C-alpha atoms as a PDB file:
ATOM      1  CA  SER A   1     166.232 201.566 136.192  1.00  0.00           C
ATOM      2  CA  ALA A   2     163.670 199.442 134.343  1.00  0.00           C
ATOM      3  CA  THR A   3     166.374 198.348 131.924  1.00  0.00           C
ATOM      4  CA  VAL A   4     168.753 197.327 134.666  1.00  0.00           C
ATOM      5  CA  LEU A   5     166.066 195.567 136.736  1.00  0.00           C
ATOM      6  CA  GLY A   6     164.153 194.195 133.776  1.00  0.00           C
ATOM      7  CA  ALA A   7     165.153 190.574 134.335  1.00  0.00           C
ATOM      8  CA  GLU A   8     164.488 190.793 138.091  1.00  0.00           C
ATOM      9  CA  LEU A   9     161.066 192.392 137.535  1.00  0.00           C
ATOM     10  CA  LYS A  10     160.174 189.743 135.015  1.00  0.00           C
ATOM     11  CA  THR A  11     161.136 187.041 137.514  1.00  0.00           C
ATOM     12  CA  ALA A  12     159.189 188.772 140.307  1.00  0.00           C
ATOM     13  CA  HIS A  13     156.067 188.981 138.121  1.00  0.00           C
ATOM     14  CA  ALA A  14     156.404 185.315 137.242  1.00  0.00           C
ATOM     15  CA  ILE A  15     156.695 184.356 140.911  1.00  0.00           C
ATOM     16  CA  HIS A  16     153.714 186.593 141.762  1.00  0.00           C
ATOM     17  CA  TRP A  17     151.524 184.905 139.177  1.00  0.00           C
ATOM     18  CA  ARG A  18     152.660 181.482 140.311  1.00  0.00           C
ATOM     19  CA  VAL A  19     151.772 182.324 143.915  1.00  0.00           C
ATOM     20  CA  GLN A  20     148.341 183.584 142.838  1.00  0.00           C
ATOM     21  CA  ALA A  21     147.797 180.479 140.745  1.00  0.00           C
ATOM     22  CA  CYS A  22     148.775 178.260 143.685  1.00  0.00           C
ATOM     23  CA  VAL A  23     146.450 180.150 146.046  1.00  0.00           C
ATOM     24  CA  PHE A  24     143.584 179.873 143.567  1.00  0.00           C
ATOM     25  CA  LEU A  25     144.269 176.163 143.128  1.00  0.00           C
ATOM     26  CA  LEU A  26     144.374 175.604 146.881  1.00  0.00           C
ATOM     27  CA  VAL A  27     141.083 177.479 147.368  1.00  0.00           C
ATOM     28  CA  ALA A  28     139.461 175.529 144.528  1.00  0.00           C
ATOM     29  CA  VAL A  29     140.676 172.176 145.863  1.00  0.00           C
ATOM     30  CA  ALA A  30     139.624 173.065 149.417  1.00  0.00           C
ATOM     31  CA  THR A  31     136.173 174.175 148.255  1.00  0.00           C
ATOM     32  CA  VAL A  32     135.604 171.044 146.197  1.00  0.00           C
ATOM     33  CA  GLY A  33     136.906 168.904 149.044  1.00  0.00           C
ATOM     34  CA  PHE A  34     134.626 170.612 151.547  1.00  0.00           C
ATOM     35  CA  VAL A  35     131.564 170.227 149.325  1.00  0.00           C
ATOM     36  CA  LEU A  36     132.300 166.571 148.656  1.00  0.00           C
ATOM     37  CA  SER A  37     133.072 165.736 152.275  1.00  0.00           C
ATOM     38  CA  ASP A  38     129.979 167.613 153.417  1.00  0.00           C
ATOM     39  CA  GLN A  39     127.796 165.710 150.967  1.00  0.00           C
ATOM     40  CA  ILE A  40     129.337 162.383 151.919  1.00  0.00           C
ATOM     41  CA  LEU A  41     129.018 163.138 155.633  1.00  0.00           C
ATOM     42  CA  PHE A  42     125.458 164.354 155.157  1.00  0.00           C
ATOM     43  CA  ASN A  43     124.452 161.276 153.177  1.00  0.00           C
ATOM     44  CA  ASN A  44     126.088 158.889 155.641  1.00  0.00           C
ATOM     45  CA  MET A  45     124.542 160.512 158.716  1.00  0.00           C
ATOM     46  CA  VAL A  46     121.081 160.809 157.203  1.00  0.00           C
ATOM     47  CA  LYS A  47     121.163 157.226 155.954  1.00  0.00           C
ATOM     48  CA  ASN A  48     122.254 156.092 159.414  1.00  0.00           C
ATOM     49  CA  ASP A  49     119.435 158.035 161.088  1.00  0.00           C
ATOM     50  CA  ILE A  50     116.841 156.648 158.672  1.00  0.00           C
ATOM     51  CA  LYS A  51     118.136 153.149 159.374  1.00  0.00           C
ATOM     52  CA  LEU A  52     117.787 153.807 163.113  1.00  0.00           C
ATOM     53  CA  ILE A  53     114.164 154.856 162.572  1.00  0.00           C
ATOM     54  CA  ARG A  54     113.455 151.643 160.655  1.00  0.00           C
ATOM     55  CA  GLU A  55     115.173 149.449 163.256  1.00  0.00           C
ATOM     56  CA  THR A  56     113.372 151.141 166.152  1.00  0.00           C
ATOM     57  CA  SER A  57     110.059 150.672 164.354  1.00  0.00           C
ATOM     58  CA  LEU A  58     110.845 146.953 164.157  1.00  0.00           C
ATOM     59  CA  PHE A  59     111.575 147.005 167.900  1.00  0.00           C
ATOM     60  CA  ARG A  60     108.085 148.383 168.484  1.00  0.00           C
ATOM     61  CA  THR A  61     106.554 145.729 166.231  1.00  0.00           C
ATOM     62  CA  TYR A  62     108.280 142.874 168.052  1.00  0.00           C
ATOM     63  CA  THR A  63     107.169 144.238 171.409  1.00  0.00           C
ATOM     64  CA  ILE A  64     103.540 144.180 170.286  1.00  0.00           C
ATOM     65  CA  THR A  65     103.724 140.791 168.561  1.00  0.00           C
ATOM     66  CA  GLY A  66     105.354 139.357 171.695  1.00  0.00           C
ATOM     67  CA  ASN A  67     102.013 139.787 173.449  1.00  0.00           C
ATOM     68  CA  PHE A  68     100.200 137.852 170.734  1.00  0.00           C
ATOM     69  CA  LEU A  69     102.811 135.091 170.670  1.00  0.00           C
ATOM     70  CA  TYR A  70     102.565 134.668 174.448  1.00  0.00           C
ATOM     71  CA  ARG A  71      98.802 134.372 174.101  1.00  0.00           C
ATOM     72  CA  SER A  72      99.130 132.062 171.084  1.00  0.00           C
ATOM     73  CA  GLN A  73     101.072 129.536 173.150  1.00  0.00           C
ATOM     74  CA  PHE A  74      98.165 129.088 175.532  1.00  0.00           C
ATOM     75  CA  LEU A  75      95.538 129.042 172.796  1.00  0.00           C
ATOM     76  CA  ALA A  76      97.504 126.320 171.058  1.00  0.00           C
ATOM     77  CA  GLY A  77      97.863 124.486 174.367  1.00  0.00           C
ATOM     78  CA  HIS A  78      94.121 124.682 174.969  1.00  0.00           C
ATOM     79  CA  HIS A  79      93.572 122.959 171.615  1.00  0.00           C
ATOM     80  CA  ASN A  80      96.462 120.492 172.148  1.00  0.00           C
ATOM     81  CA  GLN A  81      98.350 121.926 169.159  1.00  0.00           C
ATOM     82  CA  THR A  82     101.944 121.180 170.079  1.00  0.00           C
ATOM     83  CA  ASP A  83     103.361 122.269 166.709  1.00  0.00           C
ATOM     84  CA  GLU A  84     101.751 125.710 167.067  1.00  0.00           C
ATOM     85  CA  ILE A  85     103.227 126.039 170.557  1.00  0.00           C
ATOM     86  CA  LEU A  86     106.693 125.285 169.201  1.00  0.00           C
ATOM     87  CA  ASP A  87     106.215 127.758 166.347  1.00  0.00           C
ATOM     88  CA  ALA A  88     105.307 130.513 168.814  1.00  0.00           C
ATOM     89  CA  LYS A  89     108.295 129.662 171.004  1.00  0.00           C
ATOM     90  CA  GLU A  90     110.631 129.738 168.004  1.00  0.00           C
ATOM     91  CA  GLU A  91     109.313 133.123 166.889  1.00  0.00           C
ATOM     92  CA  LEU A  92     109.700 134.545 170.404  1.00  0.00           C
ATOM     93  CA  LEU A  93     113.333 133.419 170.528  1.00  0.00           C
ATOM     94  CA  TYR A  94     113.982 134.903 167.087  1.00  0.00           C
ATOM     95  CA  GLU A  95     112.466 138.241 168.068  1.00  0.00           C
ATOM     96  CA  ALA A  96     114.436 138.281 171.331  1.00  0.00           C
ATOM     97  CA  THR A  97     117.697 137.759 169.432  1.00  0.00           C
ATOM     98  CA  VAL A  98     116.928 140.459 166.860  1.00  0.00           C
ATOM     99  CA  MET A  99     115.877 142.905 169.585  1.00  0.00           C
ATOM    100  CA  ARG A 100     119.010 142.366 171.674  1.00  0.00           C
ATOM    101  CA  GLU A 101     121.433 142.625 168.753  1.00  0.00           C
ATOM    102  CA  GLY A 102     119.618 145.619 167.254  1.00  0.00           C
ATOM    103  CA  HIS A 103     119.473 147.406 170.603  1.00  0.00           C
ATOM    104  CA  HIS A 104     123.245 147.124 171.056  1.00  0.00           C
ATOM    105  CA  ALA A 105     123.893 148.211 167.460  1.00  0.00           C
ATOM    106  CA  LYS A 106     121.646 151.285 167.773  1.00  0.00           C
ATOM    107  CA  PHE A 107     123.358 152.422 170.956  1.00  0.00           C
ATOM    108  CA  LYS A 108     126.761 152.301 169.272  1.00  0.00           C
ATOM    109  CA  LYS A 109     125.499 154.533 166.442  1.00  0.00           C
ATOM    110  CA  LEU A 110     124.285 157.301 168.739  1.00  0.00           C
ATOM    111  CA  ARG A 111     126.093 160.618 168.864  1.00  0.00           C
ATOM    112  CA  TRP A 112     127.610 161.321 172.264  1.00  0.00           C
ATOM    113  CA  TYR A 113     125.151 164.096 173.142  1.00  0.00           C
ATOM    114  CA  GLN A 114     122.147 161.851 172.456  1.00  0.00           C
ATOM    115  CA  ARG A 115     123.035 159.075 174.864  1.00  0.00           C
ATOM    116  CA  ASP A 116     121.177 160.765 177.702  1.00  0.00           C
ATOM    117  CA  ASP A 117     117.962 159.770 175.922  1.00  0.00           C
ATOM    118  CA  TYR A 118     119.046 156.159 176.378  1.00  0.00           C
ATOM    119  CA  THR A 119     120.458 156.340 179.889  1.00  0.00           C
ATOM    120  CA  THR A 120     118.015 158.534 181.850  1.00  0.00           C
ATOM    121  CA  PRO A 121     115.883 156.298 184.161  1.00  0.00           C
ATOM    122  CA  ASP A 122     112.558 158.104 183.731  1.00  0.00           C
ATOM    123  CA  HIS A 123     110.335 155.295 182.446  1.00  0.00           C
ATOM    124  CA  GLU A 124     108.027 153.760 185.052  1.00  0.00           C
ATOM    125  CA  MET A 125     107.461 150.035 184.649  1.00  0.00           C
ATOM    126  CA  LEU A 126     105.015 147.791 186.514  1.00  0.00           C
ATOM    127  CA  VAL A 127     106.830 144.628 187.565  1.00  0.00           C
ATOM    128  CA  PRO A 128     104.576 141.712 188.662  1.00  0.00           C
ATOM    129  CA  GLN A 129     105.475 140.103 191.989  1.00  0.00           C
ATOM    130  CA  ALA A 130     105.571 136.322 192.324  1.00  0.00           C
ATOM    131  CA  GLY A 131     102.907 134.915 194.639  1.00  0.00           C
ATOM    132  CA  ARG A 132     101.138 138.262 195.082  1.00  0.00           C
ATOM    133  CA  PHE A 133      98.501 140.103 193.079  1.00  0.00           C
ATOM    134  CA  GLU A 134     100.475 143.321 193.025  1.00  0.00           C
ATOM    135  CA  PHE A 135     103.143 145.150 191.051  1.00  0.00           C
ATOM    136  CA  ARG A 136     106.391 146.832 191.972  1.00  0.00           C
ATOM    137  CA  HIS A 137     107.009 150.245 190.419  1.00  0.00           C
ATOM    138  CA  GLU A 138     110.446 150.426 188.862  1.00  0.00           C
ATOM    139  CA  TYR A 139     112.044 153.293 186.966  1.00  0.00           C
ATOM    140  CA  VAL A 140     114.387 152.289 184.158  1.00  0.00           C
ATOM    141  CA  ASP A 141     116.188 153.906 181.234  1.00  0.00           C
ATOM    142  CA  TYR A 142     115.616 152.958 177.606  1.00  0.00           C
ATOM    143  CA  TRP A 143     118.908 151.066 177.443  1.00  0.00           C
ATOM    144  CA  THR A 144     117.843 148.816 180.341  1.00  0.00           C
ATOM    145  CA  MET A 145     114.321 148.521 178.969  1.00  0.00           C
ATOM    146  CA  GLY A 146     115.531 147.136 175.631  1.00  0.00           C
ATOM    147  CA  GLY A 147     117.741 144.462 177.151  1.00  0.00           C
ATOM    148  CA  ASP A 148     115.057 143.535 179.671  1.00  0.00           C
ATOM    149  CA  LEU A 149     112.459 143.107 176.932  1.00  0.00           C
ATOM    150  CA  ALA A 150     114.658 140.669 175.025  1.00  0.00           C
ATOM    151  CA  ARG A 151     115.289 138.697 178.221  1.00  0.00           C
ATOM    152  CA  ARG A 152     111.577 138.492 179.047  1.00  0.00           C
ATOM    153  CA  LEU A 153     110.723 137.278 175.539  1.00  0.00           C
ATOM    154  CA  GLU A 154     113.243 134.482 176.087  1.00  0.00           C
ATOM    155  CA  ARG A 155     111.584 133.622 179.408  1.00  0.00           C
ATOM    156  CA  MET A 156     108.207 133.449 177.690  1.00  0.00           C
ATOM    157  CA  ALA A 157     109.705 131.106 175.096  1.00  0.00           C
ATOM    158  CA  SER A 158     111.351 128.944 177.784  1.00  0.00           C
ATOM    159  CA  MET A 159     108.040 127.621 179.080  1.00  0.00           C
ATOM    160  CA  ASP A 160     107.883 123.877 178.469  1.00  0.00           C
ATOM    161  CA  GLU A 161     105.180 122.814 176.028  1.00  0.00           C
ATOM    162  CA  GLU A 162     103.949 120.187 178.472  1.00  0.00           C
ATOM    163  CA  GLU A 163     103.421 122.895 181.066  1.00  0.00           C
ATOM    164  CA  ILE A 164     101.524 124.991 178.534  1.00  0.00           C
ATOM    165  CA  LEU A 165      99.316 122.026 177.619  1.00  0.00           C
ATOM    166  CA  LYS A 166      98.449 121.735 181.325  1.00  0.00           C
ATOM    167  CA  GLY A 167      97.441 125.375 181.465  1.00  0.00           C
ATOM    168  CA  GLY A 168     100.785 126.938 182.351  1.00  0.00           C
ATOM    169  CA  TYR A 169     100.005 127.553 186.025  1.00  0.00           C
ATOM    170  CA  THR A 170     102.700 125.434 187.671  1.00  0.00           C
ATOM    171  CA  ASN A 171     105.821 126.700 189.419  1.00  0.00           C
ATOM    172  CA  GLU A 172     107.919 125.595 186.453  1.00  0.00           C
ATOM    173  CA  SER A 173     106.160 128.104 184.215  1.00  0.00           C
ATOM    174  CA  LEU A 174     106.136 130.921 186.761  1.00  0.00           C
ATOM    175  CA  GLN A 175     108.978 132.996 185.258  1.00  0.00           C
ATOM    176  CA  GLY A 176     107.518 132.732 181.775  1.00  0.00           C
ATOM    177  CA  ASN A 177     104.114 133.853 183.002  1.00  0.00           C
ATOM    178  CA  LEU A 178     105.551 136.759 184.961  1.00  0.00           C
ATOM    179  CA  ALA A 179     107.369 137.858 181.817  1.00  0.00           C
ATOM    180  CA  GLY A 180     104.136 137.646 179.833  1.00  0.00           C
ATOM    181  CA  ILE A 181     102.217 139.643 182.438  1.00  0.00           C
ATOM    182  CA  PHE A 182     104.979 142.258 182.475  1.00  0.00           C
ATOM    183  CA  LEU A 183     104.782 142.641 178.705  1.00  0.00           C
ATOM    184  CA  MET A 184     101.000 142.892 178.643  1.00  0.00           C
ATOM    185  CA  GLU A 185     100.912 145.465 181.447  1.00  0.00           C
ATOM    186  CA  ASN A 186     103.644 147.720 180.065  1.00  0.00           C
ATOM    187  CA  THR A 187     103.504 147.474 176.262  1.00  0.00           C
ATOM    188  CA  TYR A 188     100.985 150.240 175.584  1.00  0.00           C
ATOM    189  CA  ARG A 189     101.270 152.037 178.904  1.00  0.00           C
ATOM    190  CA  GLU A 190     105.014 152.758 178.761  1.00  0.00           C
ATOM    191  CA  ILE A 191     107.084 150.709 176.289  1.00  0.00           C
ATOM    192  CA  VAL A 192     105.498 151.745 172.982  1.00  0.00           C
ATOM    193  CA  PRO A 193     105.300 155.461 173.972  1.00  0.00           C
ATOM    194  CA  THR A 194     108.990 155.337 174.911  1.00  0.00           C
ATOM    195  CA  ILE A 195     109.896 153.761 171.585  1.00  0.00           C
ATOM    196  CA  GLU A 196     107.887 156.498 169.852  1.00  0.00           C
ATOM    197  CA  GLU A 197     109.955 159.116 171.705  1.00  0.00           C
ATOM    198  CA  ILE A 198     113.188 157.505 170.541  1.00  0.00           C
ATOM    199  CA  MET A 199     111.914 157.373 166.955  1.00  0.00           C
ATOM    200  CA  GLN A 200     111.045 161.068 167.186  1.00  0.00           C
ATOM    201  CA  MET A 201     114.598 161.745 168.337  1.00  0.00           C
ATOM    202  CA  TYR A 202     115.962 160.013 165.231  1.00  0.00           C
ATOM    203  CA  GLU A 203     113.519 161.922 163.001  1.00  0.00           C
ATOM    204  CA  ASP A 204     114.692 165.184 164.570  1.00  0.00           C
ATOM    205  CA  MET A 205     118.261 164.174 163.784  1.00  0.00           C
ATOM    206  CA  VAL A 206     117.315 163.876 160.110  1.00  0.00           C
ATOM    207  CA  THR A 207     115.555 167.238 159.999  1.00  0.00           C
ATOM    208  CA  GLU A 208     118.583 168.916 161.612  1.00  0.00           C
ATOM    209  CA  PHE A 209     120.293 168.646 158.229  1.00  0.00           C
END
């Protein structure tokens, strides 16, 4: 009867309400946790993608200015301006270092399914051949392109100022000149468009959210 089972019913009701309270608390905590984690994850990923856009834009800028710095060395040499030659060489080395370090850092931040955009060799480069007025066609991926650009900027900066003052046409300056020709031939034809594609990929990553 109700009188006989009164204490047991009262205990059962108490347990029932406790269970409901615990379930409600768990749902509330889970919901708040999900919202917070989602916001934190969203903010972190978007901030990372925006940073990648900014860093890739800098990569494009350094590629373009590399052409001007290569040219500036010879203009300074023509006017016997040794200090200006050294300034251009220093800036080329700085840009090469920033490009190499930034390129490695960007690759590490990619999501696994986006690495194909870095590792597919579908970018045709014109590579100047030493001793011949012709180019070799070479297909590379963006990962290789970035490292190669930094290396060629270093070669351009490695040209001795005395060689530049003489016109830069000796065998000692050959590698630096080939690097400069490579940059001038490929910057607007292939390198900058490729960088634009990568920037678009990062922008798409932002809009996904």
